[in-house]
């Protein structure tokens, strides 16, 4: 990463470290960070050179980023190379990540829970397990419905809603719609 400015190098390094916490490998995180901050679309050889990665690692990382819909492929007239760019809008990136996580993680879980809830419980333990699964199912369904509603909001409205923060809680308290949650001691 010797060709990168200290600012970009720090960002790319951090994304590599965070990648493993977000469920992607370090290399993919660094590739994404470099593409994200690049002022122009970059090709795989340029990525490999700047990050000092093998071309095969870059190719695999780019395929993963494309599968997540986080980078887009571009071609330029007279140039046979494939170039990659990332959306520069943080809201668009967040929405893409949320939609992909939903498709990959939430939808299969909901499907499994729906199937489990269709089963006839054979024992009392199964009945209790099914009740708990129903609670999980209902919460996930509620969250996905809320997510769908939020996805339909324009960015400005969504930003205003998020900035309201605890004001929503105070409004619900004022109108008597909020029930206090008992605190749990963690020891």
Protein backbone atom coordinates (compact mmCIF):
# COMPACT_ATOMS: atom_id res chain seq x y z
CA UNK A 1 0.00 0.00 0.00
CA UNK A 2 3.02 2.19 -0.43
CA UNK A 3 1.45 4.07 -3.39
CA UNK A 4 -1.50 5.24 -1.31
CA UNK A 5 -1.64 8.49 0.61
CA UNK A 6 -1.58 8.13 4.41
CA UNK A 7 -5.28 9.09 4.52
CA UNK A 8 -6.36 6.45 1.99
CA UNK A 9 -3.96 3.87 3.42
CA UNK A 10 -5.49 4.30 6.91
CA UNK A 11 -9.02 3.98 5.52
CA UNK A 12 -8.18 0.89 3.46
CA UNK A 13 -6.38 -0.70 6.41
CA UNK A 14 -9.30 -0.04 8.74
CA UNK A 15 -11.80 -1.52 6.29
CA UNK A 16 -9.64 -4.62 6.07
CA UNK A 17 -9.66 -4.99 9.84
CA UNK A 18 -13.41 -4.38 10.07
CA UNK A 19 -14.16 -6.74 7.20
CA UNK A 20 -13.68 -9.81 9.35
CA UNK A 21 -16.11 -8.42 11.91
CA UNK A 22 -18.67 -7.80 9.17
CA UNK A 23 -18.44 -11.28 7.70
CA UNK A 24 -16.07 -10.63 4.80
CA UNK A 25 -12.38 -11.31 4.62
CA UNK A 26 -9.72 -8.66 5.05
CA UNK A 27 -8.74 -8.60 1.39
CA UNK A 28 -12.32 -7.98 0.22
CA UNK A 29 -12.69 -5.16 2.76
CA UNK A 30 -9.52 -3.50 1.53
CA UNK A 31 -10.48 -3.87 -2.13
CA UNK A 32 -13.87 -2.33 -1.45
CA UNK A 33 -12.36 0.58 0.50
CA UNK A 34 -9.93 1.35 -2.32
CA UNK A 35 -12.69 1.29 -4.94
CA UNK A 36 -14.96 3.40 -2.74
CA UNK A 37 -12.47 6.25 -2.31
CA UNK A 38 -11.06 6.12 -5.86
CA UNK A 39 -11.98 9.27 -7.81
CA UNK A 40 -12.31 7.21 -11.02
CA UNK A 41 -13.23 3.58 -11.73
CA UNK A 42 -10.23 1.25 -11.24
CA UNK A 43 -9.23 -1.96 -12.99
CA UNK A 44 -8.12 -5.16 -11.29
CA UNK A 45 -4.43 -4.77 -12.15
CA UNK A 46 -4.41 -1.31 -10.60
CA UNK A 47 -6.08 -2.65 -7.46
CA UNK A 48 -3.55 -5.49 -7.22
CA UNK A 49 -0.65 -3.10 -7.66
CA UNK A 50 -1.86 -0.48 -5.18
CA UNK A 51 -2.77 -3.01 -2.49
CA UNK A 52 0.11 -5.34 -3.28
CA UNK A 53 -2.26 -8.30 -3.64
CA UNK A 54 -2.08 -11.15 -6.12
CA UNK A 55 -4.23 -10.74 -9.19
CA UNK A 56 -6.16 -13.92 -8.28
CA UNK A 57 -7.02 -12.55 -4.82
CA UNK A 58 -8.26 -9.35 -6.41
CA UNK A 59 -10.37 -11.29 -8.93
CA UNK A 60 -11.98 -13.37 -6.18
CA UNK A 61 -12.59 -10.26 -4.07
CA UNK A 62 -14.19 -8.41 -6.97
CA UNK A 63 -16.51 -11.34 -7.66
CA UNK A 64 -17.61 -11.32 -4.03
CA UNK A 65 -18.20 -7.56 -4.10
CA UNK A 66 -20.21 -7.93 -7.30
CA UNK A 67 -22.29 -10.69 -5.72
CA UNK A 68 -23.07 -8.29 -2.86
CA UNK A 69 -23.91 -5.62 -5.48
CA UNK A 70 -21.41 -3.25 -3.85
CA UNK A 71 -19.36 -2.59 -6.99
CA UNK A 72 -20.38 -2.10 -10.57
CA UNK A 73 -18.51 -3.19 -13.66
CA UNK A 74 -17.71 -0.56 -16.28
CA UNK A 75 -16.14 -0.73 -19.72
CA UNK A 76 -14.54 2.12 -21.61
CA UNK A 77 -14.37 2.35 -25.41
CA UNK A 78 -11.04 1.12 -26.78
CA UNK A 79 -10.03 -0.51 -23.47
CA UNK A 80 -10.57 -4.24 -22.99
CA UNK A 81 -10.05 -4.10 -19.22
CA UNK A 82 -12.91 -4.23 -16.77
CA UNK A 83 -13.17 -1.28 -14.42
CA UNK A 84 -14.95 -1.20 -11.09
CA UNK A 85 -16.65 1.56 -9.19
CA UNK A 86 -18.64 1.78 -5.99
CA UNK A 87 -21.59 4.05 -5.36
CA UNK A 88 -20.40 7.21 -3.62
CA UNK A 89 -23.70 7.72 -1.81
CA UNK A 90 -23.54 6.23 1.69
CA UNK A 91 -27.34 5.84 1.81
CA UNK A 92 -27.32 3.77 -1.36
CA UNK A 93 -24.56 1.56 0.04
CA UNK A 94 -26.44 1.09 3.32
CA UNK A 95 -29.64 0.16 1.49
CA UNK A 96 -27.79 -2.31 -0.72
CA UNK A 97 -26.09 -3.94 2.26
CA UNK A 98 -29.34 -4.13 4.22
CA UNK A 99 -31.21 -5.66 1.27
CA UNK A 100 -28.45 -8.22 0.64
CA UNK A 101 -28.24 -9.17 4.32
CA UNK A 102 -32.00 -9.60 4.34
CA UNK A 103 -31.89 -11.82 1.24
CA UNK A 104 -28.99 -13.92 2.52
CA UNK A 105 -29.74 -14.13 6.25
CA UNK A 106 -33.24 -13.04 7.19
CA UNK A 107 -35.29 -14.61 4.39
CA UNK A 108 -33.89 -18.15 4.91
CA UNK A 109 -34.52 -17.85 8.66
CA UNK A 110 -38.10 -16.70 8.10
CA UNK A 111 -38.65 -19.56 5.67
CA UNK A 112 -37.33 -22.09 8.20
CA UNK A 113 -39.48 -20.61 10.97
CA UNK A 114 -42.62 -20.65 8.79
CA UNK A 115 -42.05 -24.32 8.01
CA UNK A 116 -41.42 -25.12 11.68
CA UNK A 117 -44.63 -23.38 12.69
CA UNK A 118 -46.62 -25.51 10.23
CA UNK A 119 -45.47 -28.69 11.99
CA UNK A 120 -47.69 -30.35 14.58
CA UNK A 121 -45.75 -30.46 17.87
CA UNK A 122 -45.19 -34.09 18.90
CA UNK A 123 -44.28 -33.36 22.52
CA UNK A 124 -44.74 -30.67 25.15
CA UNK A 125 -41.12 -29.66 24.61
CA UNK A 126 -41.86 -29.24 20.88
CA UNK A 127 -44.91 -27.11 21.73
CA UNK A 128 -42.79 -24.82 23.91
CA UNK A 129 -40.07 -24.68 21.25
CA UNK A 130 -42.68 -23.81 18.64
CA UNK A 131 -44.09 -21.00 20.86
CA UNK A 132 -40.62 -19.52 21.13
CA UNK A 133 -40.09 -19.88 17.39
CA UNK A 134 -43.39 -18.07 16.83
CA UNK A 135 -42.16 -15.17 18.96
CA UNK A 136 -38.96 -15.03 16.92
CA UNK A 137 -40.93 -15.29 13.66
CA UNK A 138 -43.30 -12.49 14.67
CA UNK A 139 -40.44 -10.19 15.66
CA UNK A 140 -38.55 -10.80 12.43
CA UNK A 141 -41.75 -10.30 10.39
CA UNK A 142 -42.39 -7.02 12.22
CA UNK A 143 -38.82 -5.88 11.60
CA UNK A 144 -38.94 -6.77 7.90
CA UNK A 145 -42.26 -4.97 7.47
CA UNK A 146 -40.74 -1.93 9.17
CA UNK A 147 -37.66 -2.24 6.96
CA UNK A 148 -39.87 -2.33 3.85
CA UNK A 149 -41.65 0.83 5.03
CA UNK A 150 -38.33 2.57 5.71
CA UNK A 151 -36.92 1.52 2.32
CA UNK A 152 -39.80 3.38 0.65
CA UNK A 153 -38.86 6.67 2.35
CA UNK A 154 -36.73 9.15 0.48
CA UNK A 155 -33.31 9.85 1.95
CA UNK A 156 -34.19 13.25 3.33
CA UNK A 157 -37.25 11.93 5.21
CA UNK A 158 -35.29 8.94 6.49
CA UNK A 159 -32.49 11.20 7.68
CA UNK A 160 -34.98 13.43 9.51
CA UNK A 161 -36.58 10.39 11.12
CA UNK A 162 -33.21 9.11 12.32
CA UNK A 163 -32.29 12.53 13.71
CA UNK A 164 -35.45 12.52 15.79
CA UNK A 165 -33.94 9.76 17.94
CA UNK A 166 -35.17 9.97 21.50
CA UNK A 167 -37.80 12.59 20.55
CA UNK A 168 -39.92 9.70 19.26
CA UNK A 169 -39.61 7.98 22.64
CA UNK A 170 -40.63 11.17 24.46
CA UNK A 171 -43.62 11.58 22.12
CA UNK A 172 -44.74 8.02 22.80
CA UNK A 173 -44.28 8.56 26.55
CA UNK A 174 -46.30 11.79 26.35
CA UNK A 175 -49.17 10.13 24.51
CA UNK A 176 -49.11 7.13 26.84
CA UNK A 177 -48.23 4.73 24.01
CA UNK A 178 -44.86 3.72 25.45
CA UNK A 179 -44.68 1.15 28.19
CA UNK A 180 -41.60 1.29 30.40
CA UNK A 181 -39.19 -1.57 29.92
CA UNK A 182 -37.86 -3.11 33.13
CA UNK A 183 -34.10 -2.95 33.30
CA UNK A 184 -32.23 -6.18 33.69
CA UNK A 185 -29.15 -6.40 35.84
CA UNK A 186 -26.27 -8.06 34.05
CA UNK A 187 -23.96 -9.66 36.55
